Amino acid sequence: MPAALKACKTAFYWEQDNLWSLGNQPHHSDWDSWAHHYTYYQNLKRLGAPVTFVSPGEAVDPEEYPFWVVPAAHMIDPSQVNIWEDYARAGGQLILSVRTGTKDHNSHIWEALLQEPIWDLIGARVEYYDHLPAKYPAQVSMDGETYPWHIWGDVLTPMEGTTVLASHDSEYYKGAPAVVSRDLGAGSVTYTGVWSDNWELEYEVLRAVYGKAGAKILNLPPYVFTEWRDGVYIAVNYSSKAVEAPVPDGAKVLLGGRQLEPGGVTVWVE
């Protein structure tokens, strides 16, 4: 695998029991656990990041996978928090999303404050969350851009040394942190406390974390994915618009062309 791809290899946390638990208590009629996981997966493919699924309790080597994305890990135990902490301290870039750490592995709410078992890990308190009607979304801002949300939004209080990446930009919690990041050991931990309606906030958070870590990433439109296998690159356009395939100058195109039509495939070698 080329060095640029190795530098952005990503572990993706997956547990079927966790999906069932989320589905039993969606908290909002629009909550869809599969869609939430796909929010992160499809945005990773837009970056051109190779993704491997990992299970609970499985340790991840940051030398092999510099990034680890954990969407809505609703049920965890203390040993999982320790695995995540060890990963970050060893140099890994850990990215967690909403609802992570809400319950133990018996699907029982902790005898503690909301998501308290992950507070020290993410460097912030989760004070509370909100839901809104779909026709009255709120806004969160990051780097001068605003993103709508209505399904889930955490209100966070950062601890000392934690950086705020995005804040609420409307409602009575306007100005309160919504996305935070902290350095931990040789790595970092980022917590995205909002599920945006257009999934673009999550994309920008991923770009910020990967960019800060020095990974060479792509900037593809939604539903345009790239893969690498057995020495060849493959781009697939799942969208309804033609786009330009990310074929670098000097590459040899084996199938398709630089113009990637809807449903089209381009294959090349560098």
C-alpha atoms as a PDB file:
ATOM      1  CA  MET A   1       0.000   0.000   0.000  1.00  0.00           C
ATOM      2  CA  PRO A   2       1.331   3.479  -0.881  1.00  0.00           C
ATOM      3  CA  ALA A   3       2.722   5.493   2.025  1.00  0.00           C
ATOM      4  CA  ALA A   4       0.049   8.202   1.647  1.00  0.00           C
ATOM      5  CA  LEU A   5      -2.702   5.638   2.110  1.00  0.00           C
ATOM      6  CA  LYS A   6      -0.970   3.957   5.045  1.00  0.00           C
ATOM      7  CA  ALA A   7      -0.837   7.342   6.736  1.00  0.00           C
ATOM      8  CA  CYS A   8      -4.653   7.633   6.736  1.00  0.00           C
ATOM      9  CA  LYS A   9      -5.661   4.008   7.399  1.00  0.00           C
ATOM     10  CA  THR A  10      -8.677   4.036   9.689  1.00  0.00           C
ATOM     11  CA  ALA A  11     -10.173   1.586  12.161  1.00  0.00           C
ATOM     12  CA  PHE A  12     -13.983   1.782  12.388  1.00  0.00           C
ATOM     13  CA  TYR A  13     -15.683   0.605  15.599  1.00  0.00           C
ATOM     14  CA  TRP A  14     -18.631  -1.731  14.990  1.00  0.00           C
ATOM     15  CA  GLU A  15     -20.880  -3.714  17.348  1.00  0.00           C
ATOM     16  CA  GLN A  16     -24.214  -5.227  16.360  1.00  0.00           C
ATOM     17  CA  ASP A  17     -25.523  -5.314  19.959  1.00  0.00           C
ATOM     18  CA  ASN A  18     -24.848  -1.601  20.144  1.00  0.00           C
ATOM     19  CA  LEU A  19     -27.022  -1.003  17.069  1.00  0.00           C
ATOM     20  CA  TRP A  20     -29.856  -2.993  18.655  1.00  0.00           C
ATOM     21  CA  SER A  21     -29.610  -1.027  21.892  1.00  0.00           C
ATOM     22  CA  LEU A  22     -29.701   2.291  20.033  1.00  0.00           C
ATOM     23  CA  GLY A  23     -32.702   1.081  18.052  1.00  0.00           C
ATOM     24  CA  ASN A  24     -34.564   0.161  21.235  1.00  0.00           C
ATOM     25  CA  GLN A  25     -34.202   3.724  22.515  1.00  0.00           C
ATOM     26  CA  PRO A  26     -33.827   6.013  19.512  1.00  0.00           C
ATOM     27  CA  HIS A  27     -34.964   9.091  21.517  1.00  0.00           C
ATOM     28  CA  HIS A  28     -36.049  10.779  18.279  1.00  0.00           C
ATOM     29  CA  SER A  29     -38.286   9.549  15.480  1.00  0.00           C
ATOM     30  CA  ASP A  30     -35.578  10.483  12.950  1.00  0.00           C
ATOM     31  CA  TRP A  31     -32.744   8.641  14.703  1.00  0.00           C
ATOM     32  CA  ASP A  32     -31.351   5.918  12.416  1.00  0.00           C
ATOM     33  CA  SER A  33     -28.334   4.057  13.790  1.00  0.00           C
ATOM     34  CA  TRP A  34     -27.276   2.731  10.390  1.00  0.00           C
ATOM     35  CA  ALA A  35     -27.468   6.214   8.883  1.00  0.00           C
ATOM     36  CA  HIS A  36     -25.429   7.635  11.755  1.00  0.00           C
ATOM     37  CA  HIS A  37     -22.683   5.076  11.190  1.00  0.00           C
ATOM     38  CA  TYR A  38     -22.867   5.716   7.451  1.00  0.00           C
ATOM     39  CA  THR A  39     -22.447   9.436   8.076  1.00  0.00           C
ATOM     40  CA  TYR A  40     -18.902   8.689   9.139  1.00  0.00           C
ATOM     41  CA  TYR A  41     -18.190   5.836   6.747  1.00  0.00           C
ATOM     42  CA  GLN A  42     -19.157   7.698   3.570  1.00  0.00           C
ATOM     43  CA  ASN A  43     -17.284  10.810   4.705  1.00  0.00           C
ATOM     44  CA  LEU A  44     -14.165   8.713   5.303  1.00  0.00           C
ATOM     45  CA  LYS A  45     -14.425   7.367   1.759  1.00  0.00           C
ATOM     46  CA  ARG A  46     -14.703  10.948   0.485  1.00  0.00           C
ATOM     47  CA  LEU A  47     -11.324  11.542   2.126  1.00  0.00           C
ATOM     48  CA  GLY A  48      -9.911   8.482   0.390  1.00  0.00           C
ATOM     49  CA  ALA A  49      -9.188   6.760   3.717  1.00  0.00           C
ATOM     50  CA  PRO A  50      -8.866   2.950   3.787  1.00  0.00           C
ATOM     51  CA  VAL A  51     -11.321   1.624   6.418  1.00  0.00           C
ATOM     52  CA  THR A  52     -11.202  -1.598   8.462  1.00  0.00           C
ATOM     53  CA  PHE A  53     -13.966  -2.612  10.893  1.00  0.00           C
ATOM     54  CA  VAL A  54     -12.941  -3.582  14.433  1.00  0.00           C
ATOM     55  CA  SER A  55     -14.920  -5.114  17.307  1.00  0.00           C
ATOM     56  CA  PRO A  56     -15.325  -4.116  20.977  1.00  0.00           C
ATOM     57  CA  GLY A  57     -12.405  -5.197  23.121  1.00  0.00           C
ATOM     58  CA  GLU A  58     -10.088  -5.314  20.118  1.00  0.00           C
ATOM     59  CA  ALA A  59      -6.933  -3.268  20.608  1.00  0.00           C
ATOM     60  CA  VAL A  60      -5.834  -1.128  17.657  1.00  0.00           C
ATOM     61  CA  ASP A  61      -2.199  -0.373  16.886  1.00  0.00           C
ATOM     62  CA  PRO A  62      -1.780   3.302  15.907  1.00  0.00           C
ATOM     63  CA  GLU A  63       1.216   2.338  13.787  1.00  0.00           C
ATOM     64  CA  GLU A  64      -1.124   0.217  11.663  1.00  0.00           C
ATOM     65  CA  TYR A  65      -4.212   2.449  11.948  1.00  0.00           C
ATOM     66  CA  PRO A  66      -3.321   6.090  12.685  1.00  0.00           C
ATOM     67  CA  PHE A  67      -7.054   6.954  12.980  1.00  0.00           C
ATOM     68  CA  TRP A  68      -9.911   5.272  14.844  1.00  0.00           C
ATOM     69  CA  VAL A  69     -13.510   6.398  14.307  1.00  0.00           C
ATOM     70  CA  VAL A  70     -16.133   5.375  16.886  1.00  0.00           C
ATOM     71  CA  PRO A  71     -19.731   6.328  15.954  1.00  0.00           C
ATOM     72  CA  ALA A  72     -22.314   6.254  18.761  1.00  0.00           C
ATOM     73  CA  ALA A  73     -20.780   3.481  20.877  1.00  0.00           C
ATOM     74  CA  HIS A  74     -23.846   3.508  23.111  1.00  0.00           C
ATOM     75  CA  MET A  75     -22.813   0.542  25.296  1.00  0.00           C
ATOM     76  CA  ILE A  76     -19.258   0.280  26.619  1.00  0.00           C
ATOM     77  CA  ASP A  77     -17.400  -0.979  29.671  1.00  0.00           C
ATOM     78  CA  PRO A  78     -14.421   0.587  31.496  1.00  0.00           C
ATOM     79  CA  SER A  79     -11.976  -1.708  29.727  1.00  0.00           C
ATOM     80  CA  GLN A  80     -13.030  -0.239  26.365  1.00  0.00           C
ATOM     81  CA  VAL A  81     -12.325   3.268  27.626  1.00  0.00           C
ATOM     82  CA  ASN A  82      -8.878   2.064  28.684  1.00  0.00           C
ATOM     83  CA  ILE A  83      -8.263   0.612  25.201  1.00  0.00           C
ATOM     84  CA  TRP A  84      -9.212   3.930  23.603  1.00  0.00           C
ATOM     85  CA  GLU A  85      -7.010   5.879  26.019  1.00  0.00           C
ATOM     86  CA  ASP A  86      -4.029   3.589  25.421  1.00  0.00           C
ATOM     87  CA  TYR A  87      -4.525   3.983  21.663  1.00  0.00           C
ATOM     88  CA  ALA A  88      -4.469   7.787  21.849  1.00  0.00           C
ATOM     89  CA  ARG A  89      -1.528   7.914  24.245  1.00  0.00           C
ATOM     90  CA  ALA A  90       0.449   5.719  21.856  1.00  0.00           C
ATOM     91  CA  GLY A  91      -0.071   8.229  19.021  1.00  0.00           C
ATOM     92  CA  GLY A  92      -3.490   7.383  17.582  1.00  0.00           C
ATOM     93  CA  GLN A  93      -6.101   9.952  16.544  1.00  0.00           C
ATOM     94  CA  LEU A  94      -9.396   8.870  18.172  1.00  0.00           C
ATOM     95  CA  ILE A  95     -12.728  10.317  16.991  1.00  0.00           C
ATOM     96  CA  LEU A  96     -15.923   9.619  18.980  1.00  0.00           C
ATOM     97  CA  SER A  97     -19.485  10.705  18.227  1.00  0.00           C
ATOM     98  CA  VAL A  98     -22.740  11.387  20.073  1.00  0.00           C
ATOM     99  CA  ARG A  99     -24.187   8.898  22.598  1.00  0.00           C
ATOM    100  CA  THR A 100     -20.858   7.146  23.114  1.00  0.00           C
ATOM    101  CA  GLY A 101     -20.589   5.792  26.658  1.00  0.00           C
ATOM    102  CA  THR A 102     -24.219   6.350  27.648  1.00  0.00           C
ATOM    103  CA  LYS A 103     -24.723   2.795  28.986  1.00  0.00           C
ATOM    104  CA  ASP A 104     -22.835  -0.250  30.199  1.00  0.00           C
ATOM    105  CA  HIS A 105     -22.823  -3.534  28.286  1.00  0.00           C
ATOM    106  CA  ASN A 106     -26.004  -4.654  30.023  1.00  0.00           C
ATOM    107  CA  SER A 107     -27.689  -1.660  28.375  1.00  0.00           C
ATOM    108  CA  HIS A 108     -28.062  -0.048  31.800  1.00  0.00           C
ATOM    109  CA  ILE A 109     -27.458   3.647  32.347  1.00  0.00           C
ATOM    110  CA  TRP A 110     -24.389   4.209  34.493  1.00  0.00           C
ATOM    111  CA  GLU A 111     -24.810   5.106  38.170  1.00  0.00           C
ATOM    112  CA  ALA A 112     -23.120   8.364  37.267  1.00  0.00           C
ATOM    113  CA  LEU A 113     -23.768  11.580  35.393  1.00  0.00           C
ATOM    114  CA  LEU A 114     -24.505  11.565  31.654  1.00  0.00           C
ATOM    115  CA  GLN A 115     -21.675   9.751  29.807  1.00  0.00           C
ATOM    116  CA  GLU A 116     -19.375  10.409  32.763  1.00  0.00           C
ATOM    117  CA  PRO A 117     -17.171   7.344  32.041  1.00  0.00           C
ATOM    118  CA  ILE A 118     -15.777   9.110  28.936  1.00  0.00           C
ATOM    119  CA  TRP A 119     -15.399  12.617  30.348  1.00  0.00           C
ATOM    120  CA  ASP A 120     -11.713  12.323  31.182  1.00  0.00           C
ATOM    121  CA  LEU A 121     -11.069  10.684  27.816  1.00  0.00           C
ATOM    122  CA  ILE A 122     -12.692  13.437  25.739  1.00  0.00           C
ATOM    123  CA  GLY A 123     -11.647  16.264  28.058  1.00  0.00           C
ATOM    124  CA  ALA A 124     -15.167  17.596  28.557  1.00  0.00           C
ATOM    125  CA  ARG A 125     -18.365  17.165  30.533  1.00  0.00           C
ATOM    126  CA  VAL A 126     -21.505  16.233  28.611  1.00  0.00           C
ATOM    127  CA  GLU A 127     -23.972  18.509  30.378  1.00  0.00           C
ATOM    128  CA  TYR A 128     -27.113  17.531  28.458  1.00  0.00           C
ATOM    129  CA  TYR A 129     -28.463  16.941  24.957  1.00  0.00           C
ATOM    130  CA  ASP A 130     -31.381  18.256  22.970  1.00  0.00           C
ATOM    131  CA  HIS A 131     -33.680  17.117  20.172  1.00  0.00           C
ATOM    132  CA  LEU A 132     -35.683  19.380  17.872  1.00  0.00           C
ATOM    133  CA  PRO A 133     -38.501  19.037  15.331  1.00  0.00           C
ATOM    134  CA  ALA A 134     -37.197  18.434  11.815  1.00  0.00           C
ATOM    135  CA  LYS A 135     -38.807  21.623  10.502  1.00  0.00           C
ATOM    136  CA  TYR A 136     -37.128  23.735  13.221  1.00  0.00           C
ATOM    137  CA  PRO A 137     -33.439  22.751  13.092  1.00  0.00           C
ATOM    138  CA  ALA A 138     -30.786  24.489  15.146  1.00  0.00           C
ATOM    139  CA  GLN A 139     -27.363  25.551  13.923  1.00  0.00           C
ATOM    140  CA  VAL A 140     -23.798  24.763  14.908  1.00  0.00           C
ATOM    141  CA  SER A 141     -20.836  26.759  13.619  1.00  0.00           C
ATOM    142  CA  MET A 142     -17.295  25.713  12.739  1.00  0.00           C
ATOM    143  CA  ASP A 143     -14.652  27.846  11.067  1.00  0.00           C
ATOM    144  CA  GLY A 144     -17.220  30.438  10.009  1.00  0.00           C
ATOM    145  CA  GLU A 145     -19.646  27.949   8.446  1.00  0.00           C
ATOM    146  CA  THR A 146     -22.964  26.851   9.945  1.00  0.00           C
ATOM    147  CA  TYR A 147     -24.552  23.403   9.823  1.00  0.00           C
ATOM    148  CA  PRO A 148     -28.144  22.432  10.689  1.00  0.00           C
ATOM    149  CA  TRP A 149     -29.073  19.696  13.148  1.00  0.00           C
ATOM    150  CA  HIS A 150     -32.216  18.469  14.865  1.00  0.00           C
ATOM    151  CA  ILE A 151     -31.816  14.788  15.808  1.00  0.00           C
ATOM    152  CA  TRP A 152     -29.112  15.091  18.464  1.00  0.00           C
ATOM    153  CA  GLY A 153     -27.050  17.893  19.936  1.00  0.00           C
ATOM    154  CA  ASP A 154     -24.868  17.730  23.058  1.00  0.00           C
ATOM    155  CA  VAL A 155     -23.979  20.727  25.175  1.00  0.00           C
ATOM    156  CA  LEU A 156     -20.402  20.353  26.428  1.00  0.00           C
ATOM    157  CA  THR A 157     -18.200  21.988  29.049  1.00  0.00           C
ATOM    158  CA  PRO A 158     -14.520  21.619  28.099  1.00  0.00           C
ATOM    159  CA  MET A 159     -11.872  20.840  30.694  1.00  0.00           C
ATOM    160  CA  GLU A 160      -8.544  22.654  30.837  1.00  0.00           C
ATOM    161  CA  GLY A 161      -6.445  21.945  27.749  1.00  0.00           C
ATOM    162  CA  THR A 162      -9.396  20.984  25.544  1.00  0.00           C
ATOM    163  CA  THR A 163      -9.958  22.891  22.281  1.00  0.00           C
ATOM    164  CA  VAL A 164     -13.425  23.808  21.000  1.00  0.00           C
ATOM    165  CA  LEU A 165     -13.786  23.020  17.282  1.00  0.00           C
ATOM    166  CA  ALA A 166     -17.489  23.885  16.880  1.00  0.00           C
ATOM    167  CA  SER A 167     -20.153  25.659  18.946  1.00  0.00           C
ATOM    168  CA  HIS A 168     -23.908  25.973  18.958  1.00  0.00           C
ATOM    169  CA  ASP A 169     -25.030  28.995  16.976  1.00  0.00           C
ATOM    170  CA  SER A 170     -28.725  29.187  17.875  1.00  0.00           C
ATOM    171  CA  GLU A 171     -31.297  28.404  20.579  1.00  0.00           C
ATOM    172  CA  TYR A 172     -30.780  29.103  24.281  1.00  0.00           C
ATOM    173  CA  TYR A 173     -27.475  27.186  24.283  1.00  0.00           C
ATOM    174  CA  LYS A 174     -25.964  29.461  21.626  1.00  0.00           C
ATOM    175  CA  GLY A 175     -22.227  29.743  22.170  1.00  0.00           C
ATOM    176  CA  ALA A 176     -21.939  26.457  24.055  1.00  0.00           C
ATOM    177  CA  PRO A 177     -19.313  23.994  22.751  1.00  0.00           C
ATOM    178  CA  ALA A 178     -20.575  21.140  20.560  1.00  0.00           C
ATOM    179  CA  VAL A 179     -17.346  19.590  19.208  1.00  0.00           C
ATOM    180  CA  VAL A 180     -14.137  19.370  21.229  1.00  0.00           C
ATOM    181  CA  SER A 181     -10.651  17.966  20.782  1.00  0.00           C
ATOM    182  CA  ARG A 182      -7.693  17.405  23.087  1.00  0.00           C
ATOM    183  CA  ASP A 183      -4.156  16.131  22.833  1.00  0.00           C
ATOM    184  CA  LEU A 184      -3.588  12.945  24.815  1.00  0.00           C
ATOM    185  CA  GLY A 185      -0.102  11.506  25.049  1.00  0.00           C
ATOM    186  CA  ALA A 186       1.298  11.320  21.528  1.00  0.00           C
ATOM    187  CA  GLY A 187      -2.193  11.343  19.963  1.00  0.00           C
ATOM    188  CA  SER A 188      -5.535  13.092  20.294  1.00  0.00           C
ATOM    189  CA  VAL A 189      -9.199  12.552  21.148  1.00  0.00           C
ATOM    190  CA  THR A 190     -12.013  14.385  19.334  1.00  0.00           C
ATOM    191  CA  TYR A 191     -15.664  14.244  20.382  1.00  0.00           C
ATOM    192  CA  THR A 192     -18.361  15.326  17.911  1.00  0.00           C
ATOM    193  CA  GLY A 193     -21.433  16.092  20.000  1.00  0.00           C
ATOM    194  CA  VAL A 194     -23.810  16.846  17.122  1.00  0.00           C
ATOM    195  CA  TRP A 195     -25.293  14.827  14.276  1.00  0.00           C
ATOM    196  CA  SER A 196     -25.702  17.338  11.473  1.00  0.00           C
ATOM    197  CA  ASP A 197     -28.640  17.095   9.073  1.00  0.00           C
ATOM    198  CA  ASN A 198     -26.490  17.208   5.930  1.00  0.00           C
ATOM    199  CA  TRP A 199     -23.540  15.231   7.397  1.00  0.00           C
ATOM    200  CA  GLU A 200     -21.181  18.024   6.368  1.00  0.00           C
ATOM    201  CA  LEU A 201     -20.127  19.004   9.890  1.00  0.00           C
ATOM    202  CA  GLU A 202     -18.812  15.479  10.419  1.00  0.00           C
ATOM    203  CA  TYR A 203     -16.890  15.730   7.159  1.00  0.00           C
ATOM    204  CA  GLU A 204     -15.235  18.969   8.249  1.00  0.00           C
ATOM    205  CA  VAL A 205     -14.346  17.533  11.663  1.00  0.00           C
ATOM    206  CA  LEU A 206     -12.712  14.535   9.990  1.00  0.00           C
ATOM    207  CA  ARG A 207     -10.822  16.811   7.600  1.00  0.00           C
ATOM    208  CA  ALA A 208      -9.590  18.895  10.547  1.00  0.00           C
ATOM    209  CA  VAL A 209      -8.336  15.878  12.502  1.00  0.00           C
ATOM    210  CA  TYR A 210      -6.717  14.152   9.520  1.00  0.00           C
ATOM    211  CA  GLY A 211      -5.207  17.410   8.308  1.00  0.00           C
ATOM    212  CA  LYS A 212      -3.734  18.288  11.700  1.00  0.00           C
ATOM    213  CA  ALA A 213      -2.144  14.816  11.840  1.00  0.00           C
ATOM    214  CA  GLY A 214      -0.520  15.426   8.448  1.00  0.00           C
ATOM    215  CA  ALA A 215      -2.436  12.780   6.492  1.00  0.00           C
ATOM    216  CA  LYS A 216      -2.718  13.306   2.745  1.00  0.00           C
ATOM    217  CA  ILE A 217      -6.458  13.242   2.057  1.00  0.00           C
ATOM    218  CA  LEU A 218      -8.808  13.813  -0.857  1.00  0.00           C
ATOM    219  CA  ASN A 219     -11.722  16.246  -1.008  1.00  0.00           C
ATOM    220  CA  LEU A 220     -14.417  14.398  -2.934  1.00  0.00           C
ATOM    221  CA  PRO A 221     -18.137  15.208  -3.242  1.00  0.00           C
ATOM    222  CA  PRO A 222     -20.640  13.149  -1.237  1.00  0.00           C
ATOM    223  CA  TYR A 223     -21.125   9.592  -2.521  1.00  0.00           C
ATOM    224  CA  VAL A 224     -17.944   9.630  -4.580  1.00  0.00           C
ATOM    225  CA  PHE A 225     -15.691   6.943  -3.112  1.00  0.00           C
ATOM    226  CA  THR A 226     -12.160   5.760  -3.748  1.00  0.00           C
ATOM    227  CA  GLU A 227     -10.462   2.468  -2.938  1.00  0.00           C
ATOM    228  CA  TRP A 228      -7.026   0.956  -3.442  1.00  0.00           C
ATOM    229  CA  ARG A 229      -6.430  -2.749  -3.941  1.00  0.00           C
ATOM    230  CA  ASP A 230      -3.693  -4.903  -5.446  1.00  0.00           C
ATOM    231  CA  GLY A 231      -1.835  -1.907  -6.827  1.00  0.00           C
ATOM    232  CA  VAL A 232      -4.758  -0.123  -8.502  1.00  0.00           C
ATOM    233  CA  TYR A 233      -6.950   2.810  -7.497  1.00  0.00           C
ATOM    234  CA  ILE A 234     -10.704   2.643  -8.037  1.00  0.00           C
ATOM    235  CA  ALA A 235     -13.120   5.596  -7.968  1.00  0.00           C
ATOM    236  CA  VAL A 236     -16.892   5.061  -8.039  1.00  0.00           C
ATOM    237  CA  ASN A 237     -19.508   7.779  -8.457  1.00  0.00           C
ATOM    238  CA  TYR A 238     -22.679   6.918  -6.530  1.00  0.00           C
ATOM    239  CA  SER A 239     -24.089  10.423  -6.989  1.00  0.00           C
ATOM    240  CA  SER A 240     -26.379  11.769  -9.704  1.00  0.00           C
ATOM    241  CA  LYS A 241     -23.848  14.265 -11.082  1.00  0.00           C
ATOM    242  CA  ALA A 242     -20.696  13.835 -13.133  1.00  0.00           C
ATOM    243  CA  VAL A 243     -17.502  14.650 -11.231  1.00  0.00           C
ATOM    244  CA  GLU A 244     -13.783  14.647 -11.913  1.00  0.00           C
ATOM    245  CA  ALA A 245     -12.058  11.464 -10.755  1.00  0.00           C
ATOM    246  CA  PRO A 246      -9.068  12.099  -8.432  1.00  0.00           C
ATOM    247  CA  VAL A 247      -6.578  10.787 -10.982  1.00  0.00           C
ATOM    248  CA  PRO A 248      -3.176  12.494 -10.505  1.00  0.00           C
ATOM    249  CA  ASP A 249      -1.093  13.772 -13.392  1.00  0.00           C
ATOM    250  CA  GLY A 250       1.065  11.058 -14.861  1.00  0.00           C
ATOM    251  CA  ALA A 251      -1.212   8.203 -13.753  1.00  0.00           C
ATOM    252  CA  LYS A 252      -2.242   5.531 -16.267  1.00  0.00           C
ATOM    253  CA  VAL A 253      -6.018   5.129 -16.589  1.00  0.00           C
ATOM    254  CA  LEU A 254      -7.007   1.497 -17.106  1.00  0.00           C
ATOM    255  CA  LEU A 255     -10.798   1.853 -17.131  1.00  0.00           C
ATOM    256  CA  GLY A 256     -13.125   4.803 -17.540  1.00  0.00           C
ATOM    257  CA  GLY A 257     -11.808   8.344 -17.677  1.00  0.00           C
ATOM    258  CA  ARG A 258     -11.086  11.445 -15.652  1.00  0.00           C
ATOM    259  CA  GLN A 259     -14.721  12.458 -16.140  1.00  0.00           C
ATOM    260  CA  LEU A 260     -16.595  10.160 -13.756  1.00  0.00           C
ATOM    261  CA  GLU A 261     -20.238   9.880 -14.792  1.00  0.00           C
ATOM    262  CA  PRO A 262     -23.082   8.911 -12.403  1.00  0.00           C
ATOM    263  CA  GLY A 263     -22.729   5.209 -11.719  1.00  0.00           C
ATOM    264  CA  GLY A 264     -19.324   5.284 -13.417  1.00  0.00           C
ATOM    265  CA  VAL A 265     -16.044   3.655 -12.417  1.00  0.00           C
ATOM    266  CA  THR A 266     -12.495   4.837 -13.070  1.00  0.00           C
ATOM    267  CA  VAL A 267      -9.489   2.599 -12.449  1.00  0.00           C
ATOM    268  CA  TRP A 268      -5.867   3.781 -12.614  1.00  0.00           C
ATOM    269  CA  VAL A 269      -2.325   3.022 -11.501  1.00  0.00           C
ATOM    270  CA  GLU A 270       0.314   5.508 -10.427  1.00  0.00           C
END
